[in-house]
């Protein structure tokens, strides 16, 4: 049975940025959205859950400074506050990714409450952030599952390409499964159309198809 969600009001809003496909603009969306809100005065925390660590690199966090990062958070080796680093953007903080995340699916496979590792770490913290973004890896493995279980909402970057809606169907099935079994409060925050070329008829068609399928 899913855990109680009564304590969610006492913590920041958590938004997972997810799509099982690579190269659709997840990290670009995460960095720019987090930066825009931070510049606007919000206290933002970005958790990099992608073993590639592109969000961490993009925000200027070098390898030597990462101190276990998201891996240590999932493993319970350190608390969220101990792993949070300042970036060059005022009000924007992050927990960086480390290469150890590559083996997370296997390493945590037998761990008790393995789907709840990230949620437990966030709810056990006293983060001052108003919003926590989680930059998910491509794929629907344990790292993405942890993000969806921890999140209040999921934001889906969707590349305007031929198989866009076909590719998103698997992710939507995963979201429905998470809602049913693990996190009934999970909402769809929205779809972000990426790599849109208004000169290209295909982009316009994909945009129309997505709006027709998902509505408002």
N, C-alpha and C. Protein backbone atom coordinates (compact mmCIF):
# COMPACT_ATOMS: atom_id res chain seq x y z
N UNK A 1 0.84 -1.19 0.00
CA UNK A 1 0.00 0.00 0.00
C UNK A 1 0.88 1.25 0.00
N UNK A 2 0.45 2.35 -0.66
CA UNK A 2 1.22 3.58 -0.67
C UNK A 2 1.31 4.17 0.72
N UNK A 3 2.40 4.87 1.00
CA UNK A 3 2.55 5.56 2.27
C UNK A 3 1.61 6.74 2.34
N UNK A 4 1.36 7.23 3.56
CA UNK A 4 0.53 8.42 3.74
C UNK A 4 1.22 9.63 3.14
N UNK A 5 0.42 10.55 2.59
CA UNK A 5 0.96 11.77 1.98
C UNK A 5 0.61 12.99 2.82
N UNK A 6 0.18 12.77 4.06
CA UNK A 6 -0.27 13.89 4.87
C UNK A 6 0.83 14.89 5.16
N UNK A 7 2.09 14.42 5.19
CA UNK A 7 3.18 15.33 5.55
C UNK A 7 3.72 16.09 4.36
N UNK A 8 3.14 15.94 3.16
CA UNK A 8 3.71 16.58 1.98
C UNK A 8 3.56 18.10 2.04
N UNK A 9 2.56 18.59 2.76
CA UNK A 9 2.35 20.03 2.81
C UNK A 9 3.49 20.75 3.52
N UNK A 10 4.26 20.01 4.34
CA UNK A 10 5.31 20.63 5.12
C UNK A 10 6.64 20.66 4.37
N UNK A 11 6.66 20.18 3.14
CA UNK A 11 7.92 20.18 2.40
C UNK A 11 7.74 20.89 1.07
N UNK A 12 8.87 21.15 0.38
CA UNK A 12 8.77 21.85 -0.92
C UNK A 12 7.96 21.06 -1.93
N UNK A 13 7.45 21.78 -2.94
CA UNK A 13 6.82 21.09 -4.06
C UNK A 13 7.92 20.42 -4.88
N UNK A 14 7.70 19.18 -5.24
CA UNK A 14 8.71 18.41 -5.96
C UNK A 14 8.19 18.10 -7.37
N UNK A 15 9.00 18.45 -8.37
CA UNK A 15 8.62 18.26 -9.77
C UNK A 15 9.69 17.42 -10.46
N UNK A 16 9.30 16.26 -10.95
CA UNK A 16 10.21 15.43 -11.74
C UNK A 16 10.13 15.83 -13.20
N UNK A 17 11.28 15.97 -13.84
CA UNK A 17 11.34 16.28 -15.27
C UNK A 17 11.79 15.01 -15.96
N UNK A 18 10.85 14.37 -16.68
CA UNK A 18 11.09 13.00 -17.12
C UNK A 18 10.62 12.75 -18.54
N UNK A 19 11.34 11.89 -19.21
CA UNK A 19 10.96 11.30 -20.49
C UNK A 19 11.92 10.14 -20.70
N UNK A 20 11.41 8.97 -21.06
CA UNK A 20 12.31 7.82 -21.18
C UNK A 20 13.27 7.95 -22.36
N UNK A 21 12.98 8.84 -23.29
CA UNK A 21 13.87 9.05 -24.44
C UNK A 21 14.99 10.02 -24.07
N UNK A 22 16.16 9.78 -24.63
CA UNK A 22 17.26 10.70 -24.45
C UNK A 22 17.24 11.78 -25.52
N UNK A 23 17.89 12.88 -25.25
CA UNK A 23 18.06 13.93 -26.25
C UNK A 23 16.82 14.74 -26.57
N UNK A 24 15.85 14.75 -25.63
CA UNK A 24 14.61 15.49 -25.89
C UNK A 24 14.58 16.84 -25.19
N UNK A 25 15.62 17.14 -24.41
CA UNK A 25 15.69 18.45 -23.76
C UNK A 25 15.36 18.44 -22.28
N UNK A 26 15.45 17.28 -21.61
CA UNK A 26 15.16 17.23 -20.17
C UNK A 26 16.09 18.13 -19.37
N UNK A 27 17.38 17.95 -19.58
CA UNK A 27 18.34 18.71 -18.78
C UNK A 27 18.30 20.20 -19.13
N UNK A 28 18.16 20.51 -20.40
CA UNK A 28 18.04 21.92 -20.80
C UNK A 28 16.81 22.55 -20.15
N UNK A 29 15.71 21.83 -20.14
CA UNK A 29 14.49 22.31 -19.49
C UNK A 29 14.72 22.49 -18.00
N UNK A 30 15.35 21.51 -17.36
CA UNK A 30 15.59 21.58 -15.92
C UNK A 30 16.45 22.78 -15.55
N UNK A 31 17.56 22.97 -16.27
CA UNK A 31 18.47 24.07 -15.95
C UNK A 31 17.81 25.42 -16.16
N UNK A 32 17.15 25.59 -17.30
CA UNK A 32 16.58 26.89 -17.62
C UNK A 32 15.37 27.22 -16.76
N UNK A 33 14.53 26.26 -16.48
CA UNK A 33 13.38 26.50 -15.63
C UNK A 33 13.82 26.81 -14.21
N UNK A 34 14.75 26.03 -13.69
CA UNK A 34 15.25 26.28 -12.34
C UNK A 34 15.93 27.64 -12.24
N UNK A 35 16.71 27.99 -13.25
CA UNK A 35 17.40 29.28 -13.24
C UNK A 35 16.41 30.44 -13.31
N UNK A 36 15.41 30.32 -14.19
CA UNK A 36 14.43 31.40 -14.34
C UNK A 36 13.68 31.65 -13.03
N UNK A 37 13.28 30.59 -12.36
CA UNK A 37 12.54 30.75 -11.10
C UNK A 37 13.45 31.30 -10.00
N UNK A 38 14.72 30.85 -9.99
CA UNK A 38 15.66 31.36 -8.99
C UNK A 38 15.92 32.85 -9.18
N UNK A 39 16.10 33.26 -10.44
CA UNK A 39 16.31 34.68 -10.73
C UNK A 39 15.07 35.50 -10.33
N UNK A 40 13.91 34.86 -10.43
CA UNK A 40 12.68 35.52 -10.04
C UNK A 40 12.46 35.59 -8.54
N UNK A 41 13.39 35.01 -7.76
CA UNK A 41 13.32 35.14 -6.31
C UNK A 41 12.94 33.87 -5.56
N UNK A 42 12.61 32.80 -6.29
CA UNK A 42 12.28 31.54 -5.62
C UNK A 42 13.56 30.84 -5.17
N UNK A 43 13.49 30.14 -4.05
CA UNK A 43 14.61 29.29 -3.61
C UNK A 43 14.41 27.93 -4.26
N UNK A 44 15.35 27.55 -5.13
CA UNK A 44 15.20 26.35 -5.95
C UNK A 44 16.32 25.36 -5.66
N UNK A 45 15.94 24.09 -5.58
CA UNK A 45 16.91 23.01 -5.48
C UNK A 45 16.73 22.08 -6.68
N UNK A 46 17.81 21.80 -7.38
CA UNK A 46 17.80 20.87 -8.51
C UNK A 46 18.57 19.62 -8.11
N UNK A 47 17.91 18.48 -8.15
CA UNK A 47 18.56 17.20 -7.87
C UNK A 47 18.87 16.54 -9.21
N UNK A 48 20.14 16.29 -9.45
CA UNK A 48 20.56 15.66 -10.71
C UNK A 48 20.57 14.15 -10.50
N UNK A 49 19.57 13.46 -11.07
CA UNK A 49 19.46 12.01 -10.93
C UNK A 49 19.91 11.28 -12.19
N UNK A 50 20.55 11.97 -13.10
CA UNK A 50 21.04 11.38 -14.34
C UNK A 50 22.53 11.07 -14.20
N UNK A 51 22.93 9.80 -14.30
CA UNK A 51 24.35 9.46 -14.15
C UNK A 51 25.27 10.25 -15.08
N UNK A 52 24.76 10.75 -16.21
CA UNK A 52 25.59 11.54 -17.11
C UNK A 52 26.01 12.85 -16.47
N UNK A 53 25.22 13.36 -15.55
CA UNK A 53 25.59 14.56 -14.80
C UNK A 53 25.64 15.84 -15.59
N UNK A 54 24.89 15.92 -16.68
CA UNK A 54 24.96 17.11 -17.52
C UNK A 54 24.42 18.36 -16.82
N UNK A 55 23.40 18.20 -16.00
CA UNK A 55 22.87 19.35 -15.27
C UNK A 55 23.92 19.88 -14.28
N UNK A 56 24.63 18.96 -13.64
CA UNK A 56 25.67 19.36 -12.69
C UNK A 56 26.79 20.11 -13.40
N UNK A 57 27.23 19.57 -14.52
CA UNK A 57 28.28 20.23 -15.30
C UNK A 57 27.78 21.57 -15.83
N UNK A 58 26.54 21.60 -16.31
CA UNK A 58 25.99 22.83 -16.87
C UNK A 58 25.88 23.95 -15.87
N UNK A 59 25.74 23.60 -14.59
CA UNK A 59 25.65 24.63 -13.55
C UNK A 59 26.99 24.82 -12.83
N UNK A 60 28.05 24.30 -13.43
CA UNK A 60 29.41 24.62 -12.97
C UNK A 60 29.91 23.83 -11.78
N UNK A 61 29.30 22.67 -11.50
CA UNK A 61 29.76 21.85 -10.37
C UNK A 61 30.78 20.85 -10.87
N UNK A 62 32.05 21.02 -10.50
CA UNK A 62 33.08 20.12 -11.01
C UNK A 62 33.07 18.79 -10.25
N UNK A 63 33.69 17.80 -10.84
CA UNK A 63 33.66 16.44 -10.28
C UNK A 63 34.21 16.39 -8.86
N UNK A 64 35.25 17.15 -8.59
CA UNK A 64 35.89 17.09 -7.29
C UNK A 64 35.01 17.61 -6.16
N UNK A 65 33.99 18.38 -6.51
CA UNK A 65 33.14 19.01 -5.49
C UNK A 65 31.87 18.22 -5.19
N UNK A 66 31.66 17.10 -5.86
CA UNK A 66 30.33 16.47 -5.82
C UNK A 66 30.07 15.62 -4.59
N UNK A 67 31.10 15.14 -3.91
CA UNK A 67 30.97 14.55 -2.58
C UNK A 67 29.86 13.50 -2.44
N UNK A 68 29.77 12.61 -3.39
CA UNK A 68 28.78 11.54 -3.28
C UNK A 68 27.44 11.87 -3.90
N UNK A 69 27.09 13.14 -3.92
CA UNK A 69 25.90 13.63 -4.61
C UNK A 69 24.65 12.79 -4.42
N UNK A 70 23.90 12.63 -5.51
CA UNK A 70 22.61 11.94 -5.46
C UNK A 70 22.76 10.48 -5.06
N UNK A 71 23.87 9.86 -5.41
CA UNK A 71 24.11 8.48 -4.99
C UNK A 71 24.13 8.37 -3.47
N UNK A 72 24.87 9.24 -2.82
CA UNK A 72 24.95 9.22 -1.36
C UNK A 72 23.59 9.49 -0.73
N UNK A 73 22.78 10.32 -1.39
CA UNK A 73 21.44 10.61 -0.89
C UNK A 73 20.57 9.36 -0.92
N UNK A 74 20.58 8.64 -2.04
CA UNK A 74 19.80 7.41 -2.18
C UNK A 74 20.29 6.31 -1.24
N UNK A 75 21.60 6.25 -1.06
CA UNK A 75 22.20 5.20 -0.22
C UNK A 75 22.06 5.50 1.26
N UNK A 76 21.60 6.69 1.60
CA UNK A 76 21.47 7.07 3.01
C UNK A 76 22.79 7.38 3.68
N UNK A 77 23.80 7.68 2.87
CA UNK A 77 25.13 7.97 3.42
C UNK A 77 25.24 9.40 3.94
N UNK A 78 24.36 10.27 3.50
CA UNK A 78 24.36 11.66 3.95
C UNK A 78 22.96 12.22 3.74
N UNK A 79 22.66 13.30 4.46
CA UNK A 79 21.36 13.93 4.35
C UNK A 79 21.36 14.97 3.24
N UNK A 80 20.16 15.36 2.84
CA UNK A 80 20.00 16.29 1.72
C UNK A 80 20.79 17.57 1.93
N UNK A 81 20.70 18.15 3.11
CA UNK A 81 21.40 19.41 3.37
C UNK A 81 22.91 19.29 3.27
N UNK A 82 23.45 18.13 3.63
CA UNK A 82 24.89 17.92 3.57
C UNK A 82 25.40 17.81 2.15
N UNK A 83 24.50 17.44 1.23
CA UNK A 83 24.90 17.21 -0.16
C UNK A 83 24.53 18.36 -1.09
N UNK A 84 23.85 19.36 -0.56
CA UNK A 84 23.39 20.49 -1.37
C UNK A 84 24.51 21.50 -1.57
N UNK A 85 24.75 21.86 -2.81
CA UNK A 85 25.80 22.80 -3.15
C UNK A 85 25.21 24.05 -3.78
N UNK A 86 25.86 25.18 -3.55
CA UNK A 86 25.47 26.43 -4.21
C UNK A 86 25.96 26.41 -5.65
N UNK A 87 25.22 27.05 -6.52
CA UNK A 87 25.65 27.23 -7.91
C UNK A 87 26.01 28.70 -8.12
N UNK A 88 26.38 29.05 -9.34
CA UNK A 88 26.69 30.44 -9.64
C UNK A 88 25.46 31.32 -9.78
N UNK A 89 24.28 30.72 -9.70
CA UNK A 89 23.02 31.46 -9.82
C UNK A 89 22.47 31.70 -8.42
N UNK A 90 22.24 32.93 -8.01
CA UNK A 90 21.66 33.19 -6.69
C UNK A 90 20.33 32.45 -6.53
N UNK A 91 20.11 31.87 -5.36
CA UNK A 91 18.88 31.15 -5.01
C UNK A 91 18.76 29.77 -5.65
N UNK A 92 19.76 29.37 -6.44
CA UNK A 92 19.70 28.06 -7.08
C UNK A 92 20.77 27.14 -6.49
N UNK A 93 20.33 26.03 -5.94
CA UNK A 93 21.21 25.06 -5.31
C UNK A 93 21.00 23.71 -5.98
N UNK A 94 21.95 22.81 -5.79
CA UNK A 94 21.77 21.51 -6.43
C UNK A 94 22.45 20.39 -5.66
N UNK A 95 21.91 19.20 -5.85
CA UNK A 95 22.58 17.97 -5.44
C UNK A 95 23.08 17.34 -6.73
N UNK A 96 24.40 17.26 -6.92
CA UNK A 96 24.94 16.83 -8.21
C UNK A 96 24.91 15.32 -8.40
N UNK A 97 25.04 14.91 -9.65
CA UNK A 97 25.13 13.49 -9.99
C UNK A 97 26.58 13.03 -9.94
N UNK A 98 26.75 11.76 -9.64
CA UNK A 98 28.08 11.15 -9.67
C UNK A 98 28.00 9.86 -10.49
N UNK A 99 29.14 9.38 -10.94
CA UNK A 99 29.19 8.21 -11.81
C UNK A 99 28.64 6.95 -11.13
N UNK A 100 28.68 6.89 -9.79
CA UNK A 100 28.17 5.72 -9.08
C UNK A 100 26.69 5.46 -9.35
N UNK A 101 25.96 6.46 -9.82
CA UNK A 101 24.54 6.28 -10.13
C UNK A 101 24.32 5.28 -11.27
N UNK A 102 25.35 5.05 -12.07
CA UNK A 102 25.21 4.15 -13.22
C UNK A 102 24.72 2.77 -12.79
N UNK A 103 25.18 2.30 -11.65
CA UNK A 103 24.81 0.96 -11.18
C UNK A 103 23.66 0.93 -10.21
N UNK A 104 22.89 2.03 -10.12
CA UNK A 104 21.85 2.13 -9.10
C UNK A 104 20.80 1.04 -9.22
N UNK A 105 20.37 0.72 -10.43
CA UNK A 105 19.32 -0.28 -10.61
C UNK A 105 19.71 -1.62 -9.99
N UNK A 106 20.95 -2.03 -10.18
CA UNK A 106 21.40 -3.29 -9.62
C UNK A 106 21.73 -3.16 -8.14
N UNK A 107 22.37 -2.08 -7.77
CA UNK A 107 22.84 -1.95 -6.40
C UNK A 107 21.71 -1.85 -5.39
N UNK A 108 20.63 -1.14 -5.78
CA UNK A 108 19.53 -0.95 -4.84
C UNK A 108 18.36 -1.92 -5.07
N UNK A 109 18.55 -2.89 -5.96
CA UNK A 109 17.45 -3.78 -6.34
C UNK A 109 16.88 -4.54 -5.16
N UNK A 110 17.71 -4.92 -4.20
CA UNK A 110 17.24 -5.68 -3.04
C UNK A 110 17.05 -4.82 -1.80
N UNK A 111 17.16 -3.51 -1.97
CA UNK A 111 17.02 -2.60 -0.83
C UNK A 111 15.56 -2.47 -0.41
N UNK A 112 15.31 -2.49 0.89
CA UNK A 112 13.96 -2.28 1.40
C UNK A 112 13.45 -0.91 0.98
N UNK A 113 12.20 -0.84 0.54
CA UNK A 113 11.59 0.42 0.11
C UNK A 113 12.42 1.09 -0.98
N UNK A 114 12.91 0.31 -1.91
CA UNK A 114 13.82 0.85 -2.93
C UNK A 114 13.16 1.94 -3.78
N UNK A 115 11.84 1.90 -3.96
CA UNK A 115 11.16 2.92 -4.76
C UNK A 115 10.99 4.23 -3.99
N UNK A 116 11.18 4.18 -2.66
CA UNK A 116 10.92 5.34 -1.81
C UNK A 116 12.20 6.01 -1.29
N UNK A 117 13.35 5.60 -1.80
CA UNK A 117 14.62 6.12 -1.26
C UNK A 117 14.71 7.64 -1.38
N UNK A 118 14.36 8.17 -2.54
CA UNK A 118 14.48 9.60 -2.75
C UNK A 118 13.39 10.35 -1.98
N UNK A 119 12.19 9.83 -1.98
CA UNK A 119 11.11 10.49 -1.25
C UNK A 119 11.41 10.56 0.24
N UNK A 120 11.91 9.45 0.80
CA UNK A 120 12.25 9.43 2.22
C UNK A 120 13.34 10.44 2.54
N UNK A 121 14.32 10.56 1.63
CA UNK A 121 15.42 11.51 1.85
C UNK A 121 14.92 12.94 1.83
N UNK A 122 14.00 13.26 0.92
CA UNK A 122 13.46 14.61 0.83
C UNK A 122 12.57 14.92 2.03
N UNK A 123 11.70 13.98 2.38
CA UNK A 123 10.78 14.22 3.48
C UNK A 123 11.47 14.21 4.82
N UNK A 124 12.65 13.61 4.89
CA UNK A 124 13.41 13.62 6.13
C UNK A 124 14.32 14.83 6.28
N UNK A 125 14.24 15.75 5.33
CA UNK A 125 15.10 16.93 5.35
C UNK A 125 14.30 18.16 5.77
N UNK A 126 15.02 19.25 5.98
CA UNK A 126 14.40 20.55 6.26
C UNK A 126 14.81 21.55 5.19
N UNK A 127 14.67 21.16 3.94
CA UNK A 127 15.10 22.03 2.85
C UNK A 127 14.33 23.33 2.85
N UNK A 128 15.06 24.42 2.62
CA UNK A 128 14.44 25.75 2.56
C UNK A 128 13.90 26.06 1.17
N UNK A 129 14.10 25.14 0.22
CA UNK A 129 13.65 25.38 -1.15
C UNK A 129 12.13 25.42 -1.21
N UNK A 130 11.61 26.26 -2.11
CA UNK A 130 10.17 26.27 -2.35
C UNK A 130 9.80 25.23 -3.40
N UNK A 131 10.72 24.95 -4.33
CA UNK A 131 10.51 23.95 -5.36
C UNK A 131 11.77 23.11 -5.51
N UNK A 132 11.59 21.81 -5.61
CA UNK A 132 12.70 20.90 -5.91
C UNK A 132 12.42 20.28 -7.28
N UNK A 133 13.35 20.46 -8.21
CA UNK A 133 13.27 19.80 -9.51
C UNK A 133 14.19 18.58 -9.50
N UNK A 134 13.74 17.51 -10.13
CA UNK A 134 14.57 16.32 -10.28
C UNK A 134 14.78 16.07 -11.76
N UNK A 135 16.03 16.15 -12.21
CA UNK A 135 16.37 15.89 -13.60
C UNK A 135 16.58 14.38 -13.74
N UNK A 136 15.65 13.71 -14.41
CA UNK A 136 15.68 12.24 -14.51
C UNK A 136 16.57 11.78 -15.66
N UNK A 137 17.08 10.57 -15.56
CA UNK A 137 17.85 10.00 -16.68
C UNK A 137 16.91 9.51 -17.76
N UNK A 138 17.42 9.28 -18.98
CA UNK A 138 16.61 8.60 -19.99
C UNK A 138 16.36 7.16 -19.53
N UNK A 139 15.20 6.64 -19.82
CA UNK A 139 14.86 5.30 -19.36
C UNK A 139 13.88 5.36 -18.21
N UNK A 140 13.29 4.20 -17.91
CA UNK A 140 12.27 4.11 -16.87
C UNK A 140 12.72 3.15 -15.77
N UNK A 141 14.00 3.25 -15.41
CA UNK A 141 14.56 2.39 -14.37
C UNK A 141 14.30 2.91 -12.98
N UNK A 142 15.06 2.42 -12.02
CA UNK A 142 14.83 2.72 -10.60
C UNK A 142 15.02 4.20 -10.28
N UNK A 143 15.96 4.88 -10.96
CA UNK A 143 16.18 6.29 -10.68
C UNK A 143 14.96 7.12 -11.07
N UNK A 144 14.43 6.88 -12.26
CA UNK A 144 13.23 7.60 -12.68
C UNK A 144 12.04 7.24 -11.80
N UNK A 145 11.92 5.97 -11.45
CA UNK A 145 10.84 5.54 -10.58
C UNK A 145 10.92 6.24 -9.23
N UNK A 146 12.11 6.36 -8.67
CA UNK A 146 12.28 7.08 -7.41
C UNK A 146 11.84 8.54 -7.54
N UNK A 147 12.17 9.15 -8.67
CA UNK A 147 11.78 10.54 -8.88
C UNK A 147 10.26 10.68 -8.94
N UNK A 148 9.59 9.76 -9.64
CA UNK A 148 8.14 9.83 -9.77
C UNK A 148 7.44 9.57 -8.44
N UNK A 149 8.00 8.69 -7.63
CA UNK A 149 7.42 8.42 -6.32
C UNK A 149 7.62 9.61 -5.38
N UNK A 150 8.74 10.30 -5.52
CA UNK A 150 9.03 11.45 -4.66
C UNK A 150 8.27 12.70 -5.07
N UNK A 151 7.81 12.74 -6.31
CA UNK A 151 7.30 13.99 -6.89
C UNK A 151 5.83 14.24 -6.58
N UNK A 152 5.49 15.52 -6.54
CA UNK A 152 4.10 15.94 -6.55
C UNK A 152 3.57 15.99 -7.98
N UNK A 153 4.47 16.24 -8.92
CA UNK A 153 4.06 16.39 -10.32
C UNK A 153 5.21 16.02 -11.24
N UNK A 154 4.86 15.66 -12.48
CA UNK A 154 5.87 15.35 -13.48
C UNK A 154 5.69 16.27 -14.67
N UNK A 155 6.80 16.82 -15.13
CA UNK A 155 6.84 17.69 -16.30
C UNK A 155 7.56 16.93 -17.40
N UNK A 156 6.94 16.84 -18.59
CA UNK A 156 7.48 16.00 -19.66
C UNK A 156 7.94 16.85 -20.83
N UNK A 157 9.26 16.97 -21.04
CA UNK A 157 9.75 17.59 -22.26
C UNK A 157 9.51 16.65 -23.44
N UNK A 158 8.93 17.17 -24.51
CA UNK A 158 8.55 16.33 -25.65
C UNK A 158 9.08 16.96 -26.93
N UNK A 159 10.01 16.26 -27.56
CA UNK A 159 10.60 16.76 -28.80
C UNK A 159 9.59 16.69 -29.94
N UNK A 160 9.54 17.75 -30.71
CA UNK A 160 8.62 17.78 -31.86
C UNK A 160 9.20 16.98 -33.01
N UNK A 161 9.06 15.66 -32.92
CA UNK A 161 9.55 14.78 -33.97
C UNK A 161 8.48 13.74 -34.27
N UNK A 162 8.72 12.94 -35.28
CA UNK A 162 7.67 12.12 -35.89
C UNK A 162 7.01 11.15 -34.89
N UNK A 163 7.82 10.52 -34.03
CA UNK A 163 7.28 9.50 -33.14
C UNK A 163 7.03 10.04 -31.73
N UNK A 164 6.77 11.33 -31.60
CA UNK A 164 6.65 11.95 -30.28
C UNK A 164 5.57 11.30 -29.42
N UNK A 165 4.35 11.22 -29.95
CA UNK A 165 3.26 10.67 -29.14
C UNK A 165 3.42 9.17 -28.90
N UNK A 166 3.96 8.47 -29.89
CA UNK A 166 4.19 7.04 -29.71
C UNK A 166 5.19 6.80 -28.59
N UNK A 167 6.22 7.64 -28.54
CA UNK A 167 7.25 7.47 -27.52
C UNK A 167 6.77 7.81 -26.12
N UNK A 168 5.80 8.71 -26.01
CA UNK A 168 5.35 9.14 -24.69
C UNK A 168 4.38 8.14 -24.06
N UNK A 169 3.82 7.25 -24.84
CA UNK A 169 2.80 6.34 -24.32
C UNK A 169 3.34 5.44 -23.21
N UNK A 170 4.57 4.97 -23.36
CA UNK A 170 5.16 4.12 -22.33
C UNK A 170 5.35 4.88 -21.03
N UNK A 171 5.79 6.14 -21.14
CA UNK A 171 5.96 6.96 -19.94
C UNK A 171 4.62 7.18 -19.25
N UNK A 172 3.57 7.44 -20.02
CA UNK A 172 2.26 7.65 -19.42
C UNK A 172 1.77 6.38 -18.71
N UNK A 173 2.07 5.23 -19.27
CA UNK A 173 1.70 3.98 -18.59
C UNK A 173 2.45 3.83 -17.27
N UNK A 174 3.73 4.23 -17.28
CA UNK A 174 4.51 4.17 -16.04
C UNK A 174 3.94 5.14 -15.01
N UNK A 175 3.59 6.34 -15.43
CA UNK A 175 2.99 7.32 -14.51
C UNK A 175 1.70 6.78 -13.92
N UNK A 176 0.87 6.16 -14.74
CA UNK A 176 -0.38 5.57 -14.24
C UNK A 176 -0.10 4.46 -13.24
N UNK A 177 0.91 3.66 -13.51
CA UNK A 177 1.28 2.58 -12.58
C UNK A 177 1.73 3.16 -11.24
N UNK A 178 2.55 4.21 -11.29
CA UNK A 178 3.03 4.84 -10.07
C UNK A 178 1.86 5.42 -9.28
N UNK A 179 0.94 6.07 -9.96
CA UNK A 179 -0.25 6.60 -9.28
C UNK A 179 -1.03 5.48 -8.59
N UNK A 180 -1.19 4.38 -9.29
CA UNK A 180 -2.02 3.29 -8.78
C UNK A 180 -1.38 2.58 -7.59
N UNK A 181 -0.06 2.39 -7.65
CA UNK A 181 0.60 1.53 -6.67
C UNK A 181 1.43 2.26 -5.64
N UNK A 182 1.99 3.43 -5.98
CA UNK A 182 3.03 4.00 -5.13
C UNK A 182 2.81 5.47 -4.73
N UNK A 183 2.19 6.25 -5.60
CA UNK A 183 2.08 7.68 -5.35
C UNK A 183 0.79 8.21 -5.95
N UNK A 184 -0.34 8.03 -5.28
CA UNK A 184 -1.63 8.43 -5.85
C UNK A 184 -1.77 9.93 -6.05
N UNK A 185 -0.90 10.73 -5.42
CA UNK A 185 -0.99 12.19 -5.54
C UNK A 185 -0.25 12.74 -6.76
N UNK A 186 0.43 11.89 -7.51
CA UNK A 186 1.24 12.36 -8.64
C UNK A 186 0.36 13.00 -9.71
N UNK A 187 0.72 14.22 -10.10
CA UNK A 187 -0.02 14.95 -11.12
C UNK A 187 0.83 15.11 -12.37
N UNK A 188 0.18 15.36 -13.49
CA UNK A 188 0.89 15.74 -14.71
C UNK A 188 0.96 17.26 -14.73
N UNK A 189 2.17 17.79 -14.52
CA UNK A 189 2.35 19.24 -14.50
C UNK A 189 2.14 19.85 -15.88
N UNK A 190 2.57 19.11 -16.91
CA UNK A 190 2.38 19.61 -18.26
C UNK A 190 3.36 18.98 -19.22
N UNK A 191 3.19 19.33 -20.48
CA UNK A 191 4.07 18.89 -21.56
C UNK A 191 4.82 20.11 -22.08
N UNK A 192 6.14 20.02 -22.15
CA UNK A 192 6.95 21.10 -22.71
C UNK A 192 7.41 20.69 -24.10
N UNK A 193 6.92 21.35 -25.12
CA UNK A 193 7.35 21.06 -26.49
C UNK A 193 8.75 21.63 -26.70
N UNK A 194 9.68 20.77 -27.12
CA UNK A 194 11.06 21.19 -27.28
C UNK A 194 11.49 21.06 -28.74
N UNK A 195 12.55 21.80 -29.08
CA UNK A 195 13.13 21.75 -30.43
C UNK A 195 12.07 22.04 -31.49
N UNK A 196 11.24 23.03 -31.22
CA UNK A 196 10.17 23.42 -32.13
C UNK A 196 10.74 24.33 -33.22
N UNK A 197 10.49 23.98 -34.46
CA UNK A 197 10.88 24.81 -35.60
C UNK A 197 9.61 25.23 -36.33
N UNK A 198 9.21 26.46 -36.15
CA UNK A 198 7.95 26.93 -36.73
C UNK A 198 7.96 26.91 -38.26
N UNK A 199 9.14 26.80 -38.84
CA UNK A 199 9.22 26.74 -40.30
C UNK A 199 8.95 25.33 -40.81
N UNK A 200 8.91 24.38 -39.89
CA UNK A 200 8.78 22.98 -40.25
C UNK A 200 7.34 22.52 -40.03
N UNK A 201 6.70 22.03 -41.08
CA UNK A 201 5.32 21.58 -40.96
C UNK A 201 5.17 20.44 -39.95
N UNK A 202 6.20 19.61 -39.82
CA UNK A 202 6.14 18.50 -38.87
C UNK A 202 6.01 19.01 -37.44
N UNK A 203 6.79 20.04 -37.10
CA UNK A 203 6.70 20.62 -35.75
C UNK A 203 5.30 21.12 -35.46
N UNK A 204 4.71 21.77 -36.43
CA UNK A 204 3.36 22.30 -36.25
C UNK A 204 2.35 21.15 -36.09
N UNK A 205 2.53 20.07 -36.85
CA UNK A 205 1.62 18.93 -36.77
C UNK A 205 1.74 18.23 -35.42
N UNK A 206 3.00 18.02 -34.96
CA UNK A 206 3.21 17.38 -33.67
C UNK A 206 2.61 18.23 -32.55
N UNK A 207 2.84 19.55 -32.63
CA UNK A 207 2.27 20.45 -31.63
C UNK A 207 0.75 20.33 -31.58
N UNK A 208 0.12 20.31 -32.75
CA UNK A 208 -1.34 20.19 -32.82
C UNK A 208 -1.80 18.83 -32.28
N UNK A 209 -1.07 17.77 -32.60
CA UNK A 209 -1.43 16.44 -32.13
C UNK A 209 -1.33 16.34 -30.60
N UNK A 210 -0.25 16.90 -30.05
CA UNK A 210 -0.06 16.86 -28.61
C UNK A 210 -1.16 17.63 -27.89
N UNK A 211 -1.47 18.83 -28.39
CA UNK A 211 -2.53 19.63 -27.77
C UNK A 211 -3.89 18.94 -27.92
N UNK A 212 -4.10 18.26 -29.05
CA UNK A 212 -5.35 17.54 -29.22
C UNK A 212 -5.46 16.35 -28.29
N UNK A 213 -4.33 15.68 -28.03
CA UNK A 213 -4.33 14.48 -27.19
C UNK A 213 -4.44 14.82 -25.71
N UNK A 214 -3.68 15.84 -25.28
CA UNK A 214 -3.60 16.16 -23.84
C UNK A 214 -4.51 17.32 -23.44
N UNK A 215 -5.07 18.01 -24.40
CA UNK A 215 -5.96 19.12 -24.07
C UNK A 215 -5.21 20.27 -23.41
N UNK A 216 -5.89 20.92 -22.44
CA UNK A 216 -5.28 22.09 -21.79
C UNK A 216 -4.05 21.76 -21.01
